[in-house]
């Protein structure tokens, strides 16, 4: 029997929390926000029906504090917790804690989260399901193990060292030659321990010119597993995505069919329920794809899949939690347009260093074929303690070219953010680049073209606007009233 959600606590902040609250409003489900001291006036706090202070700025004292999250839900009589993405979203211990105290967890079973959160175990499960995986070796402790594996398997450089418990690009170090191996291993081990509390590592062959393609899955408690097609997430900096699109321009219909149904088969094999994403890396030279990982949560870029299919993924996750059977079939899920997403981060577009402070001016973009997922407002503070994402901008079109044109108009003419630096100039340079327009890029696109992309920046600030107005006034003063006035 369906079990309706009565009140939802969103165990997150910023763009993630605001996105979830929008669907809750559509469904008339009251929401509870949680906030740290510097977030007391944050946008997600204003959006919610109730808000609970859970600690000071450091995430360990607030957004990563599991006990305080549970206490906030119990205090406000919320019966469900949605973790969004980041922070506690893929924490199996937290998921189990939520269920143990009798609250509803919006996500897959804690056992599945734990299984897929371990990259080594996830890879083993994929191999068991006869899904292609990248050549690699697990449980690395020293350089000799890596060298022995490379000799035995005839693997050449480059290779990549990864944290077994990793995610978000952390604990990943590419190694291009033997002289870099020792330092890279130490770096990966240190980052893994610092970021995840676990320094277990694996090493894999690095796929040159690889494309990151992920398949969105939704499944219910009645054995139904559906794919919502794929997304291209290749454009990254420091192993973190900044531009995504759906569908992928890298594959044809035959590969699309194969990769999507491979993802369905894996999720069925591991008993996955609710929304999740299977990530693959696609070797453009051989047309082969390899399993990377399963993301056991809502993805940042889920919105572009919603735009091309017309489905509300956050709403579908709520349906599954309420024990409702998904009321569609695979052949009824169709792509009706192309969608593009950019991540507007508070970072210097030339150096990627964080840029935090008060947003002194914010003009949201508007117009047809556009969706904005905000996490801030004009006058809001962007604190230095958390992820730098301030908004997502998504555009659509009947074709890829159409979606790119709308994004060009949106970033180049309609969006204005002052008081902090953002990636907008870089994003605009990328979508205007000829290679991007042709769909010719890899995970190293930004690295290889950074100087060229930076040279395309059009520097603008409020001083430019003042000069423009002064020039206008000067002309009127000198020439007198004009015919059009």
Protein backbone atom coordinates (compact mmCIF):
# COMPACT_ATOMS: atom_id res chain seq x y z
CA UNK A 1 0.00 0.00 0.00
CA UNK A 2 1.23 3.55 -0.74
CA UNK A 3 2.62 5.39 2.28
CA UNK A 4 2.40 9.12 1.64
CA UNK A 5 5.22 11.38 2.80
CA UNK A 6 3.84 13.84 5.35
CA UNK A 7 6.86 16.13 5.84
CA UNK A 8 10.36 15.99 4.35
CA UNK A 9 13.64 17.07 5.86
CA UNK A 10 16.19 17.95 3.18
CA UNK A 11 19.61 17.03 4.56
CA UNK A 12 21.53 19.39 2.32
CA UNK A 13 21.97 23.03 1.30
CA UNK A 14 22.15 25.32 -1.73
CA UNK A 15 21.12 24.22 -5.22
CA UNK A 16 20.53 20.62 -4.14
CA UNK A 17 18.13 21.51 -1.32
CA UNK A 18 16.24 24.13 -3.36
CA UNK A 19 15.73 21.70 -6.26
CA UNK A 20 14.16 19.08 -3.99
CA UNK A 21 11.95 21.66 -2.29
CA UNK A 22 10.45 22.70 -5.64
CA UNK A 23 9.04 19.22 -6.24
CA UNK A 24 7.84 19.03 -2.64
CA UNK A 25 5.94 22.28 -3.19
CA UNK A 26 4.36 20.84 -6.33
CA UNK A 27 3.16 17.89 -4.25
CA UNK A 28 2.11 19.98 -1.24
CA UNK A 29 4.63 18.19 0.99
CA UNK A 30 5.96 20.52 3.76
CA UNK A 31 9.75 20.78 3.94
CA UNK A 32 12.32 21.28 6.67
CA UNK A 33 15.65 22.94 5.94
CA UNK A 34 18.81 22.48 7.97
CA UNK A 35 21.46 25.16 8.15
CA UNK A 36 24.83 26.00 9.62
CA UNK A 37 25.55 29.37 11.22
CA UNK A 38 26.88 31.06 8.03
CA UNK A 39 23.87 29.69 6.11
CA UNK A 40 21.23 31.20 8.39
CA UNK A 41 20.07 33.54 5.58
CA UNK A 42 20.67 31.09 2.72
CA UNK A 43 18.18 30.60 -0.10
CA UNK A 44 17.26 27.04 0.89
CA UNK A 45 16.36 28.28 4.38
CA UNK A 46 13.95 30.82 2.89
CA UNK A 47 12.41 28.19 0.60
CA UNK A 48 11.53 25.71 3.34
CA UNK A 49 8.44 25.71 5.56
CA UNK A 50 10.61 25.20 8.65
CA UNK A 51 14.33 25.46 9.36
CA UNK A 52 16.59 24.00 12.06
CA UNK A 53 20.06 25.21 13.02
CA UNK A 54 22.38 22.20 13.18
CA UNK A 55 25.82 23.62 13.96
CA UNK A 56 28.74 25.81 13.05
CA UNK A 57 30.40 26.26 9.65
CA UNK A 58 32.64 23.16 9.38
CA UNK A 59 30.68 20.39 7.60
CA UNK A 60 31.66 17.87 10.28
CA UNK A 61 29.75 20.02 12.79
CA UNK A 62 26.72 20.60 10.57
CA UNK A 63 25.93 19.03 7.20
CA UNK A 64 27.94 15.87 7.89
CA UNK A 65 26.65 15.46 11.46
CA UNK A 66 24.31 12.47 11.22
CA UNK A 67 22.99 12.70 14.77
CA UNK A 68 21.97 16.35 14.34
CA UNK A 69 20.16 15.53 11.10
CA UNK A 70 18.14 12.83 12.84
CA UNK A 71 17.41 15.13 15.78
CA UNK A 72 16.20 17.89 13.40
CA UNK A 73 13.81 15.46 11.69
CA UNK A 74 12.44 14.19 14.99
CA UNK A 75 12.11 17.68 16.42
CA UNK A 76 10.02 18.88 13.46
CA UNK A 77 8.10 15.59 13.10
CA UNK A 78 9.39 15.03 9.57
CA UNK A 79 8.83 11.44 8.46
CA UNK A 80 11.25 11.36 5.49
CA UNK A 81 14.81 12.50 4.78
CA UNK A 82 16.12 13.38 1.32
CA UNK A 83 19.95 13.78 1.17
CA UNK A 84 20.15 15.35 -2.31
CA UNK A 85 23.70 15.09 -3.67
CA UNK A 86 26.97 15.51 -1.80
CA UNK A 87 27.49 15.48 2.00
CA UNK A 88 25.60 12.42 3.35
CA UNK A 89 23.91 11.37 0.10
CA UNK A 90 25.96 8.19 -0.41
CA UNK A 91 26.68 7.44 3.24
CA UNK A 92 25.40 3.93 3.99
CA UNK A 93 25.73 4.44 7.74
CA UNK A 94 23.49 7.50 7.63
CA UNK A 95 20.93 5.73 5.43
CA UNK A 96 20.81 2.85 7.90
CA UNK A 97 20.52 5.25 10.85
CA UNK A 98 17.55 6.98 9.20
CA UNK A 99 15.77 3.64 8.70
CA UNK A 100 16.66 2.39 12.20
CA UNK A 101 14.85 5.29 13.88
CA UNK A 102 11.75 4.68 11.77
CA UNK A 103 12.16 7.47 9.21
CA UNK A 104 11.84 7.08 5.44
CA UNK A 105 15.10 7.22 3.46
CA UNK A 106 14.85 8.65 -0.06
CA UNK A 107 17.51 6.56 -1.73
CA UNK A 108 18.51 2.95 -2.36
CA UNK A 109 18.96 0.32 0.33
CA UNK A 110 21.96 1.02 2.62
CA UNK A 111 23.48 -2.34 1.64
CA UNK A 112 23.47 -1.30 -2.03
CA UNK A 113 24.97 2.10 -1.17
CA UNK A 114 27.78 0.38 0.73
CA UNK A 115 28.36 -2.15 -2.05
CA UNK A 116 28.54 0.44 -4.83
CA UNK A 117 30.44 2.97 -2.70
CA UNK A 118 33.43 0.64 -2.74
CA UNK A 119 34.90 0.97 -6.24
CA UNK A 120 36.65 -2.39 -5.94
CA UNK A 121 33.47 -4.24 -4.96
CA UNK A 122 31.45 -2.34 -7.59
CA UNK A 123 33.89 -3.37 -10.28
CA UNK A 124 33.75 -6.99 -9.11
CA UNK A 125 29.95 -6.93 -9.29
CA UNK A 126 30.08 -5.48 -12.81
CA UNK A 127 32.49 -8.20 -13.92
CA UNK A 128 30.20 -10.84 -12.39
CA UNK A 129 27.35 -9.40 -14.48
CA UNK A 130 29.57 -9.73 -17.58
CA UNK A 131 29.86 -5.96 -18.03
CA UNK A 132 33.13 -4.68 -19.56
CA UNK A 133 35.51 -3.00 -17.08
CA UNK A 134 38.76 -1.10 -17.49
CA UNK A 135 41.91 -3.22 -16.98
CA UNK A 136 43.14 -2.58 -13.45
CA UNK A 137 44.38 -3.87 -10.11
CA UNK A 138 42.92 -3.39 -6.62
CA UNK A 139 44.23 -2.93 -3.07
CA UNK A 140 47.45 -1.21 -4.05
CA UNK A 141 50.02 -0.59 -1.31
CA UNK A 142 53.30 0.05 -3.14
CA UNK A 143 54.90 0.97 -6.45
CA UNK A 144 56.19 -2.57 -7.06
CA UNK A 145 52.65 -3.95 -7.22
CA UNK A 146 51.75 -1.46 -9.93
CA UNK A 147 54.89 -2.15 -11.98
CA UNK A 148 54.35 -5.91 -11.75
CA UNK A 149 50.73 -5.57 -12.94
CA UNK A 150 51.75 -3.33 -15.85
CA UNK A 151 54.41 -5.84 -16.94
CA UNK A 152 52.14 -8.89 -16.63
CA UNK A 153 49.18 -7.27 -18.39
CA UNK A 154 51.28 -5.32 -20.95
CA UNK A 155 49.73 -2.03 -19.79
CA UNK A 156 51.41 1.17 -20.93
CA UNK A 157 51.27 4.66 -19.42
CA UNK A 158 49.21 6.67 -18.72
CA UNK A 159 47.46 5.01 -15.78
CA UNK A 160 45.24 6.48 -13.08
CA UNK A 161 45.32 5.86 -9.33
CA UNK A 162 41.93 6.10 -7.60
CA UNK A 163 40.57 6.06 -4.08
CA UNK A 164 38.43 2.92 -3.67
CA UNK A 165 35.90 4.92 -1.63
CA UNK A 166 36.21 8.00 -3.82
CA UNK A 167 33.90 10.31 -5.69
CA UNK A 168 33.71 13.84 -7.02
CA UNK A 169 37.17 13.61 -8.57
CA UNK A 170 38.93 13.42 -5.19
CA UNK A 171 41.73 10.94 -4.60
CA UNK A 172 42.39 10.53 -8.34
CA UNK A 173 45.87 11.04 -9.79
CA UNK A 174 46.91 10.47 -13.39
CA UNK A 175 50.40 9.05 -13.97
CA UNK A 176 52.00 9.68 -17.36
CA UNK A 177 55.44 8.14 -16.82
CA UNK A 178 57.34 5.90 -14.41
CA UNK A 179 59.18 8.80 -12.71
CA UNK A 180 55.82 10.17 -11.44
CA UNK A 181 54.62 6.90 -9.94
CA UNK A 182 55.94 7.12 -6.38
CA UNK A 183 54.79 10.72 -5.78
CA UNK A 184 51.41 10.05 -7.39
CA UNK A 185 50.79 7.03 -5.18
CA UNK A 186 51.60 9.04 -2.05
CA UNK A 187 49.36 11.91 -3.20
CA UNK A 188 46.40 9.62 -3.97
CA UNK A 189 46.80 7.82 -0.63
CA UNK A 190 46.89 11.12 1.27
CA UNK A 191 43.87 12.60 -0.55
CA UNK A 192 41.87 9.40 -0.09
CA UNK A 193 42.53 9.34 3.65
CA UNK A 194 41.73 13.03 4.05
CA UNK A 195 38.56 13.01 1.94
CA UNK A 196 37.06 9.61 2.77
CA UNK A 197 38.86 8.32 5.85
CA UNK A 198 39.96 5.31 3.78
CA UNK A 199 43.25 5.13 1.87
CA UNK A 200 42.48 1.93 -0.05
CA UNK A 201 43.50 2.44 -3.69
CA UNK A 202 43.05 0.87 -7.09
CA UNK A 203 44.89 1.50 -10.35
CA UNK A 204 43.46 1.38 -13.87
CA UNK A 205 44.57 1.96 -17.42
CA UNK A 206 43.85 5.60 -18.31
CA UNK A 207 41.68 5.85 -21.41
CA UNK A 208 43.05 8.61 -23.65
CA UNK A 209 40.42 10.71 -25.41
CA UNK A 210 37.81 9.06 -23.23
CA UNK A 211 34.23 10.28 -23.02
CA UNK A 212 32.25 10.08 -19.78
CA UNK A 213 28.78 8.77 -20.50
CA UNK A 214 26.29 8.02 -17.74
CA UNK A 215 22.90 6.33 -17.91
CA UNK A 216 20.03 7.50 -15.72
CA UNK A 217 18.08 4.64 -14.14
CA UNK A 218 14.80 4.63 -12.23
CA UNK A 219 13.42 1.46 -10.63
CA UNK A 220 10.65 0.60 -8.19
CA UNK A 221 9.84 -2.08 -5.61
CA UNK A 222 7.91 -4.17 -8.15
CA UNK A 223 10.83 -5.29 -10.31
CA UNK A 224 10.53 -2.52 -12.89
CA UNK A 225 13.88 -1.07 -14.02
CA UNK A 226 13.90 1.65 -16.70
CA UNK A 227 16.59 3.77 -18.31
CA UNK A 228 15.96 7.44 -19.06
CA UNK A 229 18.69 7.53 -21.71
CA UNK A 230 22.22 8.83 -21.30
CA UNK A 231 24.06 12.05 -20.51
CA UNK A 232 27.47 13.20 -21.76
CA UNK A 233 29.62 14.43 -18.87
CA UNK A 234 33.03 14.58 -20.52
CA UNK A 235 33.84 18.27 -20.07
CA UNK A 236 35.57 18.41 -16.71
CA UNK A 237 38.21 20.33 -14.85
CA UNK A 238 40.18 18.62 -12.09
CA UNK A 239 38.03 15.51 -12.61
CA UNK A 240 34.85 17.47 -11.81
CA UNK A 241 32.11 18.03 -14.38
CA UNK A 242 31.21 21.56 -15.46
CA UNK A 243 29.19 21.00 -18.68
CA UNK A 244 26.79 18.14 -19.36
CA UNK A 245 24.36 17.36 -22.16
CA UNK A 246 21.68 14.86 -23.06
CA UNK A 247 21.69 12.88 -25.20
CA UNK A 248 25.38 12.24 -25.90
CA UNK A 249 26.81 13.49 -29.21
CA UNK A 250 29.53 10.82 -28.98
CA UNK A 251 27.46 7.70 -29.69
CA UNK A 252 25.08 6.40 -32.33
CA UNK A 253 21.73 4.67 -31.85
CA UNK A 254 23.26 1.18 -31.73
CA UNK A 255 25.71 2.08 -28.97
CA UNK A 256 22.98 4.05 -27.16
CA UNK A 257 20.77 0.96 -27.10
CA UNK A 258 23.64 -1.24 -25.89
CA UNK A 259 24.95 1.07 -23.18
CA UNK A 260 21.49 1.88 -21.78
CA UNK A 261 20.40 -1.74 -21.54
CA UNK A 262 23.77 -2.70 -20.04
CA UNK A 263 23.06 -0.20 -17.27
CA UNK A 264 19.56 -1.64 -16.77
CA UNK A 265 20.99 -5.15 -16.52
CA UNK A 266 23.55 -4.13 -13.88
CA UNK A 267 20.98 -2.31 -11.72
CA UNK A 268 18.65 -5.30 -11.94
CA UNK A 269 21.50 -7.61 -10.93
CA UNK A 270 22.33 -5.64 -7.78
CA UNK A 271 18.69 -5.15 -6.79
CA UNK A 272 18.74 -1.38 -7.13
CA UNK A 273 15.61 0.65 -6.39
CA UNK A 274 14.82 4.38 -6.88
CA UNK A 275 16.93 6.74 -9.08
CA UNK A 276 20.59 6.06 -9.72
CA UNK A 277 23.22 6.52 -12.39
CA UNK A 278 25.62 4.07 -14.03
CA UNK A 279 28.78 5.76 -15.29
CA UNK A 280 30.82 4.46 -18.20
CA UNK A 281 33.90 5.67 -20.01
CA UNK A 282 33.67 5.45 -23.79
CA UNK A 283 36.84 4.98 -25.85
CA UNK A 284 36.15 7.03 -28.97
CA UNK A 285 38.93 5.31 -30.94
CA UNK A 286 37.71 1.74 -30.39
CA UNK A 287 33.97 2.50 -29.87
CA UNK A 288 34.10 0.40 -26.68
CA UNK A 289 32.65 1.40 -23.32
CA UNK A 290 33.74 0.33 -19.83
CA UNK A 291 32.00 0.42 -16.47
CA UNK A 292 33.23 3.12 -14.06
CA UNK A 293 30.84 3.30 -11.09
CA UNK A 294 27.28 3.53 -9.83
CA UNK A 295 26.15 6.80 -8.24
CA UNK A 296 23.59 5.81 -5.62
CA UNK A 297 21.88 9.20 -5.43
CA UNK A 298 20.34 12.03 -7.38
CA UNK A 299 22.92 13.47 -9.79
CA UNK A 300 23.60 17.20 -10.12
CA UNK A 301 22.88 16.93 -13.83
CA UNK A 302 19.56 15.05 -13.54
CA UNK A 303 17.71 18.17 -14.76
CA UNK A 304 18.74 17.74 -18.40
CA UNK A 305 17.31 14.22 -18.39
CA UNK A 306 14.08 15.67 -17.01
CA UNK A 307 14.06 18.19 -19.85
CA UNK A 308 14.48 15.62 -22.63
CA UNK A 309 12.00 13.09 -21.20
CA UNK A 310 9.44 15.29 -19.43
CA UNK A 311 9.79 13.22 -16.23
CA UNK A 312 10.36 14.58 -12.70
CA UNK A 313 13.12 12.37 -11.28
CA UNK A 314 12.82 13.84 -7.78
CA UNK A 315 9.10 13.12 -7.91
CA UNK A 316 9.70 9.57 -9.14
CA UNK A 317 12.03 8.96 -6.18
CA UNK A 318 9.21 10.05 -3.89
CA UNK A 319 6.80 7.70 -5.70
CA UNK A 320 9.16 4.77 -5.14
CA UNK A 321 9.55 5.64 -1.47
CA UNK A 322 5.76 5.76 -1.15
CA UNK A 323 5.73 2.21 -2.57
CA UNK A 324 3.97 3.17 -5.81
CA UNK A 325 4.56 1.19 -8.98
CA UNK A 326 6.02 3.26 -11.81
CA UNK A 327 3.18 3.83 -14.24
CA UNK A 328 5.00 3.79 -17.58
CA UNK A 329 6.86 1.38 -19.84
CA UNK A 330 10.26 1.65 -21.50
CA UNK A 331 8.83 2.16 -24.98
CA UNK A 332 6.81 5.15 -23.74
CA UNK A 333 9.94 7.01 -22.53
CA UNK A 334 11.13 9.14 -25.43
CA UNK A 335 13.63 11.93 -26.02
CA UNK A 336 11.86 14.95 -27.44
CA UNK A 337 14.69 17.50 -27.53
CA UNK A 338 18.37 18.20 -26.74
CA UNK A 339 19.44 19.69 -23.41
CA UNK A 340 22.63 21.33 -22.19
CA UNK A 341 23.68 22.20 -18.62
CA UNK A 342 26.47 24.35 -17.21
CA UNK A 343 27.55 24.56 -13.59
CA UNK A 344 28.02 28.14 -12.44
CA UNK A 345 30.63 27.82 -9.70
CA UNK A 346 32.04 30.62 -7.53
CA UNK A 347 35.57 30.23 -8.88
CA UNK A 348 38.11 32.29 -10.76
CA UNK A 349 37.62 31.17 -14.40
CA UNK A 350 41.36 31.42 -15.10
CA UNK A 351 42.78 29.64 -12.05
CA UNK A 352 39.75 27.76 -10.59
CA UNK A 353 40.59 29.15 -7.16
CA UNK A 354 37.52 29.72 -4.93
CA UNK A 355 35.85 33.14 -5.01
CA UNK A 356 33.59 33.79 -2.06
CA UNK A 357 31.82 36.85 -0.70
CA UNK A 358 28.53 38.72 -1.10
CA UNK A 359 26.63 38.71 -4.38
CA UNK A 360 26.15 42.45 -4.88
CA UNK A 361 24.16 42.09 -8.09
CA UNK A 362 22.33 39.13 -9.60
CA UNK A 363 20.31 39.20 -12.78
CA UNK A 364 18.83 35.79 -13.52
CA UNK A 365 18.62 34.85 -17.20
CA UNK A 366 15.20 34.60 -18.82
CA UNK A 367 13.66 33.66 -22.12
CA UNK A 368 12.37 30.57 -23.93
CA UNK A 369 14.03 27.14 -23.79
CA UNK A 370 15.69 27.88 -20.45
CA UNK A 371 15.67 26.42 -16.92
CA UNK A 372 17.60 27.85 -13.96
CA UNK A 373 18.21 25.94 -10.72
CA UNK A 374 19.40 28.61 -8.24
CA UNK A 375 21.06 28.27 -4.87
CA UNK A 376 21.54 31.98 -4.14
CA UNK A 377 19.84 35.38 -4.46
CA UNK A 378 21.03 38.98 -4.82
CA UNK A 379 22.62 40.02 -1.53
CA UNK A 380 23.34 36.44 -0.45
CA UNK A 381 26.70 35.43 0.98
CA UNK A 382 28.68 32.65 -0.66
CA UNK A 383 30.63 31.14 2.28
CA UNK A 384 34.06 29.57 1.88
CA UNK A 385 33.22 26.33 3.68
CA UNK A 386 31.22 24.38 1.09
CA UNK A 387 30.92 23.42 -2.55
CA UNK A 388 31.26 26.43 -4.87
CA UNK A 389 28.14 25.72 -6.97
CA UNK A 390 25.78 28.74 -6.97
CA UNK A 391 23.38 27.76 -9.77
CA UNK A 392 22.73 25.39 -12.65
CA UNK A 393 21.67 26.72 -16.03
CA UNK A 394 19.99 24.40 -18.52
CA UNK A 395 18.94 25.15 -22.08
CA UNK A 396 17.08 23.08 -24.63
CA UNK A 397 16.51 22.99 -28.35
CA UNK A 398 15.08 20.74 -31.00
CA UNK A 399 18.70 20.00 -31.95
CA UNK A 400 22.07 20.24 -30.22
CA UNK A 401 22.87 23.36 -32.22
CA UNK A 402 19.64 24.93 -30.98
CA UNK A 403 20.44 24.19 -27.32
CA UNK A 404 23.93 25.67 -27.76
CA UNK A 405 22.52 28.86 -29.29
CA UNK A 406 20.18 29.35 -26.33
CA UNK A 407 23.07 28.76 -23.91
CA UNK A 408 25.16 31.33 -25.79
CA UNK A 409 22.37 33.89 -25.48
CA UNK A 410 21.85 33.04 -21.81
CA UNK A 411 25.49 33.27 -20.70
CA UNK A 412 26.50 36.04 -23.07
CA UNK A 413 23.56 38.42 -22.73
CA UNK A 414 21.11 37.51 -19.97
CA UNK A 415 23.12 36.52 -16.91
CA UNK A 416 24.79 39.00 -14.57
CA UNK A 417 26.62 38.10 -11.34
CA UNK A 418 28.69 40.67 -9.45
CA UNK A 419 30.53 40.59 -6.14
CA UNK A 420 32.13 37.21 -6.79
CA UNK A 421 33.97 35.62 -9.70
CA UNK A 422 32.32 32.70 -11.50
CA UNK A 423 33.14 30.22 -14.26
CA UNK A 424 30.76 31.97 -16.67
CA UNK A 425 33.50 33.42 -18.97
CA UNK A 426 35.09 29.95 -19.28
CA UNK A 427 31.74 28.27 -19.90
CA UNK A 428 30.92 30.78 -22.64
CA UNK A 429 34.32 30.27 -24.28
CA UNK A 430 33.81 26.50 -24.29
CA UNK A 431 30.38 26.52 -25.91
CA UNK A 432 31.65 28.98 -28.54
CA UNK A 433 34.67 26.82 -29.35
CA UNK A 434 34.51 25.19 -32.78
CA UNK A 435 35.58 21.77 -31.47
CA UNK A 436 32.78 21.78 -28.89
CA UNK A 437 30.30 22.75 -31.58
CA UNK A 438 31.40 19.74 -33.62
CA UNK A 439 31.17 17.47 -30.56
CA UNK A 440 34.91 16.82 -30.66
CA UNK A 441 36.21 16.83 -27.09
CA UNK A 442 37.55 14.56 -24.34
CA UNK A 443 38.16 14.75 -20.60
CA UNK A 444 41.34 16.73 -21.38
CA UNK A 445 39.61 19.38 -23.49
CA UNK A 446 39.92 22.20 -20.93
CA UNK A 447 43.46 21.21 -19.99
CA UNK A 448 44.56 21.19 -23.65
CA UNK A 449 42.76 24.41 -24.64
CA UNK A 450 42.90 26.50 -21.45
CA UNK A 451 45.09 29.32 -22.79
CA UNK A 452 42.98 29.61 -25.92
CA UNK A 453 39.76 29.58 -23.90
CA UNK A 454 41.04 32.27 -21.52
CA UNK A 455 42.07 34.45 -24.48
CA UNK A 456 38.41 34.41 -25.59
CA UNK A 457 37.15 35.96 -22.33
CA UNK A 458 35.28 39.25 -22.67
CA UNK A 459 36.04 41.13 -19.48
CA UNK A 460 33.02 43.08 -18.24
CA UNK A 461 32.16 44.68 -14.94
CA UNK A 462 29.96 47.45 -13.55
CA UNK A 463 32.63 50.00 -14.52
CA UNK A 464 31.87 49.20 -18.18
CA UNK A 465 28.20 50.03 -17.62
CA UNK A 466 29.08 53.37 -16.00
CA UNK A 467 31.32 54.29 -18.95
CA UNK A 468 28.55 53.32 -21.39
CA UNK A 469 26.07 55.61 -19.62
CA UNK A 470 28.65 58.44 -19.43
CA UNK A 471 29.31 58.12 -23.17
CA UNK A 472 25.58 58.28 -23.90
CA UNK A 473 25.12 61.40 -21.74
CA UNK A 474 28.14 63.07 -23.38
CA UNK A 475 26.74 62.52 -26.87
CA UNK A 476 23.33 63.97 -25.94
CA UNK A 477 24.99 66.94 -24.26
CA UNK A 478 27.18 67.66 -27.29
CA UNK A 479 24.64 67.00 -30.05
CA UNK A 480 21.40 68.08 -28.39
CA UNK A 481 18.05 66.29 -28.67
CA UNK A 482 17.86 63.63 -31.40
CA UNK A 483 14.96 62.88 -33.77
CA UNK A 484 14.18 59.56 -32.08
CA UNK A 485 13.87 61.15 -28.61
